[in-house]
N, C-alpha and C. Protein backbone atom coordinates (compact mmCIF):
# COMPACT_ATOMS: atom_id res chain seq x y z
N GLU A 1 7.02 16.20 5.50
CA GLU A 1 6.20 15.81 6.64
C GLU A 1 4.86 15.21 6.19
N LEU A 2 4.34 15.67 5.06
CA LEU A 2 3.09 15.09 4.58
C LEU A 2 3.26 13.61 4.26
N ASN A 3 4.35 13.26 3.61
CA ASN A 3 4.60 11.84 3.34
C ASN A 3 4.79 11.06 4.63
N ALA A 4 5.42 11.67 5.62
CA ALA A 4 5.64 10.98 6.89
C ALA A 4 4.32 10.69 7.61
N ILE A 5 3.35 11.58 7.47
CA ILE A 5 2.02 11.31 8.04
C ILE A 5 1.45 10.05 7.40
N ASP A 6 1.46 10.04 6.08
CA ASP A 6 0.91 8.90 5.35
C ASP A 6 1.65 7.61 5.67
N LEU A 7 2.95 7.69 5.83
CA LEU A 7 3.73 6.48 6.13
C LEU A 7 3.43 5.93 7.51
N ALA A 8 3.18 6.81 8.47
CA ALA A 8 2.81 6.32 9.81
C ALA A 8 1.48 5.57 9.75
N TRP A 9 0.53 6.10 8.99
CA TRP A 9 -0.75 5.39 8.84
C TRP A 9 -0.58 4.13 8.00
N ASP A 10 0.28 4.20 7.00
CA ASP A 10 0.50 3.04 6.13
C ASP A 10 1.07 1.86 6.91
N ILE A 11 1.96 2.13 7.85
CA ILE A 11 2.55 1.02 8.60
C ILE A 11 1.46 0.29 9.39
N LEU A 12 0.47 1.04 9.86
CA LEU A 12 -0.64 0.41 10.58
C LEU A 12 -1.58 -0.32 9.62
N ALA A 13 -1.96 0.34 8.54
CA ALA A 13 -2.90 -0.27 7.60
C ALA A 13 -2.31 -1.50 6.93
N ARG A 14 -1.03 -1.45 6.64
CA ARG A 14 -0.39 -2.53 5.90
C ARG A 14 0.02 -3.70 6.80
N PHE A 15 0.50 -3.42 8.00
CA PHE A 15 1.13 -4.47 8.80
C PHE A 15 0.39 -4.85 10.08
N ALA A 16 -0.51 -4.03 10.57
CA ALA A 16 -1.21 -4.36 11.82
C ALA A 16 -2.38 -5.30 11.55
N ASP A 17 -2.61 -6.20 12.49
CA ASP A 17 -3.77 -7.09 12.42
C ASP A 17 -4.28 -7.30 13.85
N ALA A 18 -5.18 -8.24 14.02
CA ALA A 18 -5.79 -8.45 15.34
C ALA A 18 -4.77 -8.86 16.40
N ASP A 19 -3.65 -9.43 15.99
CA ASP A 19 -2.63 -9.87 16.95
C ASP A 19 -1.58 -8.81 17.25
N THR A 20 -1.65 -7.69 16.58
CA THR A 20 -0.66 -6.63 16.78
C THR A 20 -0.83 -6.02 18.17
N PRO A 21 0.26 -5.86 18.91
CA PRO A 21 0.16 -5.24 20.23
C PRO A 21 -0.44 -3.83 20.15
N HIS A 22 -1.30 -3.50 21.10
CA HIS A 22 -1.89 -2.16 21.13
C HIS A 22 -0.81 -1.09 21.19
N ALA A 23 0.29 -1.37 21.87
CA ALA A 23 1.36 -0.39 22.00
C ALA A 23 1.95 -0.03 20.63
N PHE A 24 2.03 -1.00 19.73
CA PHE A 24 2.52 -0.73 18.37
C PHE A 24 1.60 0.28 17.70
N CYS A 25 0.31 0.02 17.77
CA CYS A 25 -0.67 0.93 17.15
C CYS A 25 -0.62 2.30 17.81
N ASP A 26 -0.57 2.33 19.14
CA ASP A 26 -0.50 3.61 19.85
C ASP A 26 0.73 4.41 19.44
N ASP A 27 1.87 3.73 19.33
CA ASP A 27 3.10 4.43 18.94
C ASP A 27 2.97 5.07 17.57
N TRP A 28 2.43 4.33 16.60
CA TRP A 28 2.38 4.87 15.23
C TRP A 28 1.28 5.91 15.08
N VAL A 29 0.19 5.81 15.86
CA VAL A 29 -0.81 6.88 15.85
C VAL A 29 -0.19 8.15 16.40
N HIS A 30 0.60 8.02 17.46
CA HIS A 30 1.29 9.19 18.04
C HIS A 30 2.26 9.80 17.03
N VAL A 31 3.02 8.96 16.33
CA VAL A 31 3.94 9.46 15.30
C VAL A 31 3.15 10.21 14.23
N ALA A 32 2.05 9.63 13.75
CA ALA A 32 1.23 10.29 12.72
C ALA A 32 0.73 11.65 13.20
N ALA A 33 0.29 11.72 14.45
CA ALA A 33 -0.21 12.98 14.99
C ALA A 33 0.90 14.03 15.04
N GLU A 34 2.09 13.63 15.48
CA GLU A 34 3.19 14.60 15.52
C GLU A 34 3.60 15.02 14.12
N GLU A 35 3.62 14.09 13.18
CA GLU A 35 3.96 14.46 11.80
C GLU A 35 2.93 15.44 11.24
N ALA A 36 1.66 15.26 11.61
CA ALA A 36 0.63 16.20 11.17
C ALA A 36 0.86 17.59 11.78
N GLU A 37 1.27 17.62 13.04
CA GLU A 37 1.60 18.90 13.67
C GLU A 37 2.77 19.56 12.94
N HIS A 38 3.78 18.77 12.60
CA HIS A 38 4.93 19.32 11.88
C HIS A 38 4.49 19.90 10.54
N PHE A 39 3.67 19.13 9.82
CA PHE A 39 3.20 19.61 8.52
C PHE A 39 2.46 20.94 8.67
N ALA A 40 1.57 21.02 9.66
CA ALA A 40 0.82 22.26 9.86
C ALA A 40 1.74 23.42 10.19
N LEU A 41 2.71 23.19 11.06
CA LEU A 41 3.67 24.25 11.40
C LEU A 41 4.44 24.72 10.16
N LEU A 42 4.91 23.76 9.38
CA LEU A 42 5.70 24.11 8.19
C LEU A 42 4.84 24.76 7.11
N ALA A 43 3.62 24.26 6.92
CA ALA A 43 2.72 24.87 5.93
C ALA A 43 2.38 26.31 6.33
N ASP A 44 2.13 26.52 7.61
CA ASP A 44 1.85 27.88 8.08
C ASP A 44 3.06 28.78 7.89
N ARG A 45 4.25 28.24 8.15
CA ARG A 45 5.47 29.05 7.99
C ARG A 45 5.68 29.40 6.52
N LEU A 46 5.48 28.42 5.64
CA LEU A 46 5.60 28.71 4.21
C LEU A 46 4.61 29.81 3.81
N ALA A 47 3.39 29.73 4.29
CA ALA A 47 2.38 30.75 3.97
C ALA A 47 2.82 32.12 4.47
N ALA A 48 3.39 32.16 5.67
CA ALA A 48 3.88 33.43 6.21
C ALA A 48 5.01 34.01 5.37
N LEU A 49 5.73 33.13 4.68
CA LEU A 49 6.84 33.57 3.82
C LEU A 49 6.40 33.74 2.37
N GLY A 50 5.10 33.60 2.10
CA GLY A 50 4.59 33.82 0.76
C GLY A 50 4.63 32.62 -0.16
N ALA A 51 4.72 31.44 0.39
CA ALA A 51 4.76 30.22 -0.43
C ALA A 51 3.70 29.25 0.09
N ALA A 52 3.53 28.15 -0.62
CA ALA A 52 2.58 27.12 -0.21
C ALA A 52 3.18 25.76 -0.44
N TYR A 53 2.72 24.79 0.35
CA TYR A 53 3.17 23.42 0.16
C TYR A 53 2.87 23.00 -1.28
N GLY A 54 3.84 22.36 -1.91
CA GLY A 54 3.68 21.90 -3.28
C GLY A 54 4.26 22.84 -4.32
N GLU A 55 4.54 24.07 -3.94
CA GLU A 55 5.13 25.03 -4.88
C GLU A 55 6.63 24.84 -5.04
N LEU A 56 7.25 24.24 -4.05
CA LEU A 56 8.70 24.08 -4.07
C LEU A 56 9.04 22.62 -4.37
N PRO A 57 10.18 22.38 -5.00
CA PRO A 57 10.54 21.00 -5.34
C PRO A 57 10.79 20.16 -4.08
N ALA A 58 10.47 18.89 -4.20
CA ALA A 58 10.68 17.94 -3.10
C ALA A 58 11.06 16.60 -3.70
N HIS A 59 11.58 15.72 -2.86
CA HIS A 59 11.95 14.39 -3.35
C HIS A 59 10.88 13.38 -2.93
N ASP A 60 10.92 12.21 -3.51
CA ASP A 60 9.93 11.18 -3.25
C ASP A 60 10.56 9.98 -2.54
N GLY A 61 11.68 10.20 -1.85
CA GLY A 61 12.43 9.11 -1.25
C GLY A 61 11.65 8.28 -0.26
N LEU A 62 10.81 8.92 0.55
CA LEU A 62 10.05 8.15 1.54
C LEU A 62 9.07 7.20 0.86
N TRP A 63 8.39 7.66 -0.20
CA TRP A 63 7.43 6.77 -0.86
C TRP A 63 8.11 5.69 -1.67
N GLU A 64 9.26 6.00 -2.22
CA GLU A 64 10.02 4.96 -2.91
C GLU A 64 10.42 3.86 -1.92
N ALA A 65 10.85 4.28 -0.73
CA ALA A 65 11.21 3.31 0.31
C ALA A 65 9.98 2.53 0.76
N ALA A 66 8.85 3.19 0.86
CA ALA A 66 7.62 2.51 1.26
C ALA A 66 7.23 1.44 0.26
N ALA A 67 7.33 1.77 -1.01
CA ALA A 67 6.99 0.79 -2.05
C ALA A 67 7.94 -0.41 -2.00
N ALA A 68 9.21 -0.14 -1.82
CA ALA A 68 10.21 -1.22 -1.80
C ALA A 68 10.04 -2.14 -0.60
N THR A 69 9.49 -1.63 0.49
CA THR A 69 9.39 -2.40 1.73
C THR A 69 7.94 -2.76 2.09
N ALA A 70 7.05 -2.68 1.13
CA ALA A 70 5.63 -2.88 1.39
C ALA A 70 5.29 -4.29 1.87
N HIS A 71 6.17 -5.22 1.68
CA HIS A 71 5.91 -6.63 2.02
C HIS A 71 6.63 -7.09 3.29
N ASP A 72 7.44 -6.23 3.92
CA ASP A 72 8.33 -6.67 5.00
C ASP A 72 8.40 -5.59 6.07
N LEU A 73 7.75 -5.82 7.20
CA LEU A 73 7.74 -4.83 8.28
C LEU A 73 9.14 -4.52 8.78
N LEU A 74 9.98 -5.54 8.95
CA LEU A 74 11.35 -5.26 9.41
C LEU A 74 12.09 -4.37 8.42
N ALA A 75 11.91 -4.62 7.14
CA ALA A 75 12.55 -3.77 6.12
C ALA A 75 12.01 -2.35 6.21
N ARG A 76 10.70 -2.20 6.39
CA ARG A 76 10.12 -0.86 6.50
C ARG A 76 10.71 -0.13 7.69
N LEU A 77 10.78 -0.80 8.84
CA LEU A 77 11.33 -0.16 10.04
C LEU A 77 12.80 0.19 9.85
N ALA A 78 13.56 -0.70 9.24
CA ALA A 78 14.99 -0.44 9.03
C ALA A 78 15.20 0.77 8.12
N VAL A 79 14.47 0.81 7.02
CA VAL A 79 14.74 1.84 6.01
C VAL A 79 14.08 3.18 6.33
N VAL A 80 12.83 3.18 6.77
CA VAL A 80 12.15 4.47 6.93
C VAL A 80 12.57 5.16 8.23
N PRO A 81 12.21 4.66 9.42
CA PRO A 81 12.65 5.43 10.58
C PRO A 81 14.14 5.34 10.88
N LEU A 82 14.76 4.18 10.65
CA LEU A 82 16.13 3.99 11.12
C LEU A 82 17.20 4.44 10.13
N VAL A 83 16.84 4.67 8.88
CA VAL A 83 17.78 5.25 7.92
C VAL A 83 17.32 6.64 7.50
N LEU A 84 16.14 6.73 6.91
CA LEU A 84 15.71 8.02 6.34
C LEU A 84 15.40 9.05 7.42
N GLU A 85 14.61 8.69 8.42
CA GLU A 85 14.32 9.66 9.47
C GLU A 85 15.55 9.92 10.33
N ALA A 86 16.38 8.91 10.54
CA ALA A 86 17.61 9.13 11.30
C ALA A 86 18.53 10.11 10.58
N ARG A 87 18.49 10.12 9.26
CA ARG A 87 19.29 11.10 8.51
C ARG A 87 18.86 12.52 8.85
N GLY A 88 17.58 12.71 9.10
CA GLY A 88 17.12 14.02 9.53
C GLY A 88 17.76 14.46 10.83
N LEU A 89 18.04 13.51 11.71
CA LEU A 89 18.74 13.85 12.96
C LEU A 89 20.15 14.35 12.68
N ASP A 90 20.74 13.87 11.60
CA ASP A 90 22.10 14.27 11.25
C ASP A 90 22.16 15.67 10.66
N VAL A 91 21.19 16.01 9.84
CA VAL A 91 21.27 17.26 9.06
C VAL A 91 20.49 18.42 9.66
N THR A 92 19.50 18.16 10.47
CA THR A 92 18.65 19.24 10.97
C THR A 92 19.38 20.24 11.86
N PRO A 93 20.28 19.83 12.75
CA PRO A 93 20.96 20.84 13.56
C PRO A 93 21.69 21.90 12.72
N GLU A 94 22.32 21.51 11.64
CA GLU A 94 23.00 22.48 10.78
C GLU A 94 21.98 23.37 10.06
N MET A 95 20.85 22.80 9.67
CA MET A 95 19.80 23.61 9.05
C MET A 95 19.29 24.67 10.03
N ILE A 96 19.14 24.29 11.28
CA ILE A 96 18.70 25.23 12.31
C ILE A 96 19.72 26.36 12.45
N CYS A 97 21.00 26.00 12.50
CA CYS A 97 22.06 27.02 12.61
C CYS A 97 22.04 27.97 11.42
N ARG A 98 21.88 27.44 10.23
CA ARG A 98 21.84 28.29 9.03
C ARG A 98 20.66 29.25 9.06
N LEU A 99 19.51 28.75 9.48
CA LEU A 99 18.34 29.63 9.58
C LEU A 99 18.56 30.72 10.62
N GLU A 100 19.15 30.37 11.74
CA GLU A 100 19.43 31.37 12.77
C GLU A 100 20.42 32.41 12.27
N ARG A 101 21.47 31.95 11.57
CA ARG A 101 22.45 32.90 11.01
C ARG A 101 21.80 33.82 9.98
N ALA A 102 20.80 33.33 9.28
CA ALA A 102 20.09 34.13 8.27
C ALA A 102 19.03 35.03 8.91
N GLY A 103 18.86 34.93 10.22
CA GLY A 103 17.90 35.75 10.92
C GLY A 103 16.47 35.22 10.90
N ASP A 104 16.30 33.96 10.56
CA ASP A 104 14.96 33.37 10.49
C ASP A 104 14.71 32.52 11.73
N ALA A 105 14.50 33.20 12.84
CA ALA A 105 14.29 32.51 14.11
C ALA A 105 13.00 31.70 14.11
N GLY A 106 11.99 32.15 13.39
CA GLY A 106 10.72 31.43 13.34
C GLY A 106 10.86 30.06 12.71
N SER A 107 11.52 30.01 11.56
CA SER A 107 11.73 28.71 10.90
C SER A 107 12.64 27.82 11.73
N ALA A 108 13.67 28.43 12.34
CA ALA A 108 14.59 27.65 13.18
C ALA A 108 13.84 27.02 14.35
N ALA A 109 12.92 27.75 14.95
CA ALA A 109 12.16 27.21 16.08
C ALA A 109 11.30 26.03 15.65
N ILE A 110 10.71 26.12 14.47
CA ILE A 110 9.90 25.01 13.97
C ILE A 110 10.78 23.79 13.75
N LEU A 111 11.92 23.97 13.11
CA LEU A 111 12.81 22.83 12.87
C LEU A 111 13.33 22.24 14.17
N ARG A 112 13.54 23.08 15.18
CA ARG A 112 13.98 22.57 16.48
C ARG A 112 12.90 21.66 17.06
N ARG A 113 11.65 22.04 16.96
CA ARG A 113 10.54 21.21 17.43
C ARG A 113 10.48 19.90 16.65
N VAL A 114 10.59 19.99 15.33
CA VAL A 114 10.56 18.79 14.48
C VAL A 114 11.70 17.86 14.88
N TYR A 115 12.88 18.41 15.04
CA TYR A 115 14.07 17.63 15.40
C TYR A 115 13.85 16.85 16.70
N GLU A 116 13.36 17.53 17.72
CA GLU A 116 13.14 16.87 19.01
C GLU A 116 12.12 15.73 18.88
N ASP A 117 11.06 15.98 18.13
CA ASP A 117 10.05 14.93 17.94
C ASP A 117 10.59 13.78 17.11
N GLU A 118 11.42 14.07 16.12
CA GLU A 118 11.96 13.01 15.26
C GLU A 118 12.87 12.06 16.04
N ILE A 119 13.53 12.54 17.08
CA ILE A 119 14.29 11.62 17.93
C ILE A 119 13.34 10.55 18.47
N GLY A 120 12.16 10.98 18.89
CA GLY A 120 11.17 10.03 19.38
C GLY A 120 10.67 9.08 18.30
N HIS A 121 10.54 9.57 17.08
CA HIS A 121 10.07 8.71 15.98
C HIS A 121 11.10 7.65 15.64
N VAL A 122 12.37 8.04 15.64
CA VAL A 122 13.43 7.05 15.41
C VAL A 122 13.44 6.05 16.56
N ALA A 123 13.20 6.52 17.77
CA ALA A 123 13.14 5.62 18.93
C ALA A 123 12.02 4.60 18.79
N VAL A 124 10.87 5.02 18.29
CA VAL A 124 9.76 4.09 18.06
C VAL A 124 10.19 3.03 17.06
N GLY A 125 10.81 3.46 15.97
CA GLY A 125 11.28 2.49 14.97
C GLY A 125 12.29 1.52 15.54
N ALA A 126 13.24 2.04 16.32
CA ALA A 126 14.29 1.18 16.89
C ALA A 126 13.69 0.18 17.88
N ARG A 127 12.80 0.65 18.72
CA ARG A 127 12.18 -0.22 19.73
C ARG A 127 11.42 -1.37 19.07
N TRP A 128 10.61 -1.07 18.06
CA TRP A 128 9.83 -2.12 17.41
C TRP A 128 10.68 -3.00 16.53
N PHE A 129 11.70 -2.44 15.89
CA PHE A 129 12.59 -3.27 15.09
C PHE A 129 13.26 -4.31 15.98
N GLU A 130 13.80 -3.87 17.11
CA GLU A 130 14.49 -4.80 18.00
C GLU A 130 13.52 -5.81 18.62
N ARG A 131 12.35 -5.38 19.00
CA ARG A 131 11.37 -6.31 19.57
C ARG A 131 10.97 -7.38 18.56
N LEU A 132 10.67 -6.97 17.34
CA LEU A 132 10.28 -7.93 16.31
C LEU A 132 11.42 -8.89 15.98
N CYS A 133 12.64 -8.38 15.95
CA CYS A 133 13.78 -9.27 15.71
C CYS A 133 13.88 -10.32 16.81
N ARG A 134 13.77 -9.89 18.07
CA ARG A 134 13.83 -10.84 19.19
C ARG A 134 12.72 -11.88 19.08
N GLU A 135 11.50 -11.42 18.78
CA GLU A 135 10.37 -12.35 18.66
C GLU A 135 10.57 -13.36 17.54
N ARG A 136 11.31 -12.98 16.51
CA ARG A 136 11.54 -13.86 15.37
C ARG A 136 12.87 -14.61 15.46
N GLY A 137 13.58 -14.43 16.57
CA GLY A 137 14.85 -15.12 16.77
C GLY A 137 15.96 -14.60 15.88
N LEU A 138 15.89 -13.32 15.50
CA LEU A 138 16.89 -12.72 14.61
C LEU A 138 17.83 -11.82 15.40
N ASP A 139 19.07 -11.76 14.97
CA ASP A 139 20.02 -10.80 15.52
C ASP A 139 19.67 -9.43 14.93
N PRO A 140 19.32 -8.44 15.75
CA PRO A 140 18.89 -7.15 15.21
C PRO A 140 19.93 -6.47 14.32
N GLU A 141 21.18 -6.51 14.72
CA GLU A 141 22.22 -5.86 13.92
C GLU A 141 22.34 -6.50 12.54
N ALA A 142 22.38 -7.82 12.50
CA ALA A 142 22.48 -8.53 11.22
C ALA A 142 21.23 -8.30 10.38
N ALA A 143 20.07 -8.32 11.01
CA ALA A 143 18.81 -8.09 10.28
C ALA A 143 18.78 -6.68 9.69
N PHE A 144 19.25 -5.71 10.46
CA PHE A 144 19.31 -4.33 9.97
C PHE A 144 20.22 -4.24 8.75
N HIS A 145 21.43 -4.77 8.89
CA HIS A 145 22.39 -4.70 7.77
C HIS A 145 21.83 -5.37 6.52
N GLN A 146 21.24 -6.54 6.70
CA GLN A 146 20.69 -7.26 5.55
C GLN A 146 19.61 -6.44 4.85
N ARG A 147 18.69 -5.90 5.60
CA ARG A 147 17.58 -5.18 4.99
C ARG A 147 18.00 -3.84 4.40
N VAL A 148 18.90 -3.15 5.05
CA VAL A 148 19.37 -1.88 4.49
C VAL A 148 20.12 -2.14 3.18
N ARG A 149 20.98 -3.13 3.17
CA ARG A 149 21.71 -3.44 1.93
C ARG A 149 20.76 -3.82 0.80
N ARG A 150 19.69 -4.51 1.15
CA ARG A 150 18.77 -4.97 0.11
C ARG A 150 17.80 -3.88 -0.36
N TYR A 151 17.29 -3.06 0.57
CA TYR A 151 16.18 -2.18 0.23
C TYR A 151 16.50 -0.69 0.20
N PHE A 152 17.63 -0.28 0.72
CA PHE A 152 17.95 1.15 0.70
C PHE A 152 18.81 1.44 -0.50
N LYS A 153 18.37 2.38 -1.30
CA LYS A 153 19.12 2.77 -2.50
C LYS A 153 19.99 3.97 -2.16
N GLY A 154 21.28 3.78 -2.24
CA GLY A 154 22.19 4.88 -1.92
C GLY A 154 23.16 4.45 -0.85
N ALA A 155 23.73 5.42 -0.20
CA ALA A 155 24.73 5.17 0.84
C ALA A 155 24.29 5.83 2.13
N LEU A 156 24.71 5.26 3.25
CA LEU A 156 24.51 5.94 4.53
C LEU A 156 25.61 6.98 4.64
N LYS A 157 25.20 8.23 4.76
CA LYS A 157 26.14 9.34 4.64
C LYS A 157 26.54 9.90 6.00
N PRO A 158 27.82 9.76 6.35
CA PRO A 158 28.29 10.47 7.53
C PRO A 158 28.45 11.96 7.18
N PRO A 159 28.63 12.83 8.14
CA PRO A 159 28.75 12.51 9.56
C PRO A 159 27.39 12.22 10.18
N PHE A 160 27.43 11.35 11.20
CA PHE A 160 26.24 10.98 11.93
C PHE A 160 26.15 11.79 13.22
N ASN A 161 24.96 12.15 13.60
CA ASN A 161 24.72 12.83 14.87
C ASN A 161 24.55 11.74 15.93
N ARG A 162 25.67 11.29 16.42
CA ARG A 162 25.66 10.14 17.32
C ARG A 162 24.87 10.42 18.60
N ALA A 163 24.95 11.64 19.10
CA ALA A 163 24.22 11.96 20.34
C ALA A 163 22.71 11.79 20.14
N ALA A 164 22.19 12.30 19.04
CA ALA A 164 20.74 12.18 18.77
C ALA A 164 20.37 10.74 18.50
N ARG A 165 21.20 10.05 17.74
CA ARG A 165 20.92 8.64 17.43
C ARG A 165 20.98 7.80 18.71
N ASP A 166 21.94 8.08 19.58
CA ASP A 166 22.00 7.38 20.86
C ASP A 166 20.74 7.66 21.69
N SER A 167 20.30 8.92 21.71
CA SER A 167 19.08 9.28 22.45
C SER A 167 17.88 8.51 21.94
N ALA A 168 17.89 8.19 20.65
CA ALA A 168 16.79 7.44 20.04
C ALA A 168 16.95 5.93 20.21
N GLY A 169 18.06 5.50 20.81
CA GLY A 169 18.28 4.07 20.98
C GLY A 169 18.72 3.37 19.71
N LEU A 170 19.34 4.12 18.81
CA LEU A 170 19.82 3.55 17.55
C LEU A 170 21.32 3.29 17.69
N PRO A 171 21.71 2.03 17.85
CA PRO A 171 23.12 1.70 18.09
C PRO A 171 24.02 2.03 16.90
N ALA A 172 25.19 2.56 17.20
CA ALA A 172 26.17 2.88 16.15
C ALA A 172 26.55 1.64 15.36
N GLU A 173 26.47 0.48 15.98
CA GLU A 173 26.81 -0.77 15.30
C GLU A 173 25.86 -1.06 14.14
N TYR A 174 24.70 -0.46 14.16
CA TYR A 174 23.77 -0.62 13.04
C TYR A 174 24.28 0.14 11.82
N TYR A 175 24.55 1.42 12.00
CA TYR A 175 24.77 2.28 10.84
C TYR A 175 26.23 2.53 10.49
N GLU A 176 27.13 2.55 11.45
CA GLU A 176 28.53 2.86 11.12
C GLU A 176 29.16 1.88 10.14
N PRO A 177 28.91 0.56 10.24
CA PRO A 177 29.49 -0.35 9.26
C PRO A 177 28.99 -0.12 7.83
N LEU A 178 27.86 0.56 7.69
CA LEU A 178 27.28 0.82 6.37
C LEU A 178 27.61 2.21 5.85
N ALA A 179 28.38 2.97 6.61
CA ALA A 179 28.69 4.35 6.23
C ALA A 179 29.47 4.40 4.93
N GLY A 180 28.95 5.19 4.01
CA GLY A 180 29.64 5.40 2.74
C GLY A 180 29.55 4.24 1.79
N ALA A 181 29.01 3.12 2.24
CA ALA A 181 28.89 1.95 1.37
C ALA A 181 27.63 2.08 0.54
N ALA A 182 27.73 1.70 -0.70
CA ALA A 182 26.52 1.63 -1.52
C ALA A 182 25.70 0.48 -0.97
N ALA A 183 24.62 0.82 -0.33
CA ALA A 183 23.82 -0.21 0.33
C ALA A 183 22.89 -0.90 -0.64
């Protein structure tokens, strides 16, 4: 979540200018604020469990994606919210179930909150990706496929949480053709 805070601000600092719609800025400020809330909830939960942020191993996938897409807003939107954050929609429900089965209702409740908010974050990415494609005369599906194949390292891993992705406005035609393919 800490990287997600920085990435929400980075999209504004890197890509916004005087001509950027206020709604774009408002959306990403809102995403940054929610990511900060998530970080605080998770950091507090770790502290309650006797750990601290930074003590446990983590991956750097979000920042690697940010570096790879630093020059192309459509690529950033395709890879960060529409691939990486959308993956969270796929895996978080099972994580919640595992925590509940282990008797950790507190952690499960936090992840449930994060999950619900992340649907909105993916929706922000999808809305702006499609709007920018239309403004540039690009087919959104083709633009998504092109950028994911070029900038995402790895494969899109099923199973997909189609209900959550649909709620976020992320069409199956974007991600299903790339499932299991080395993008």
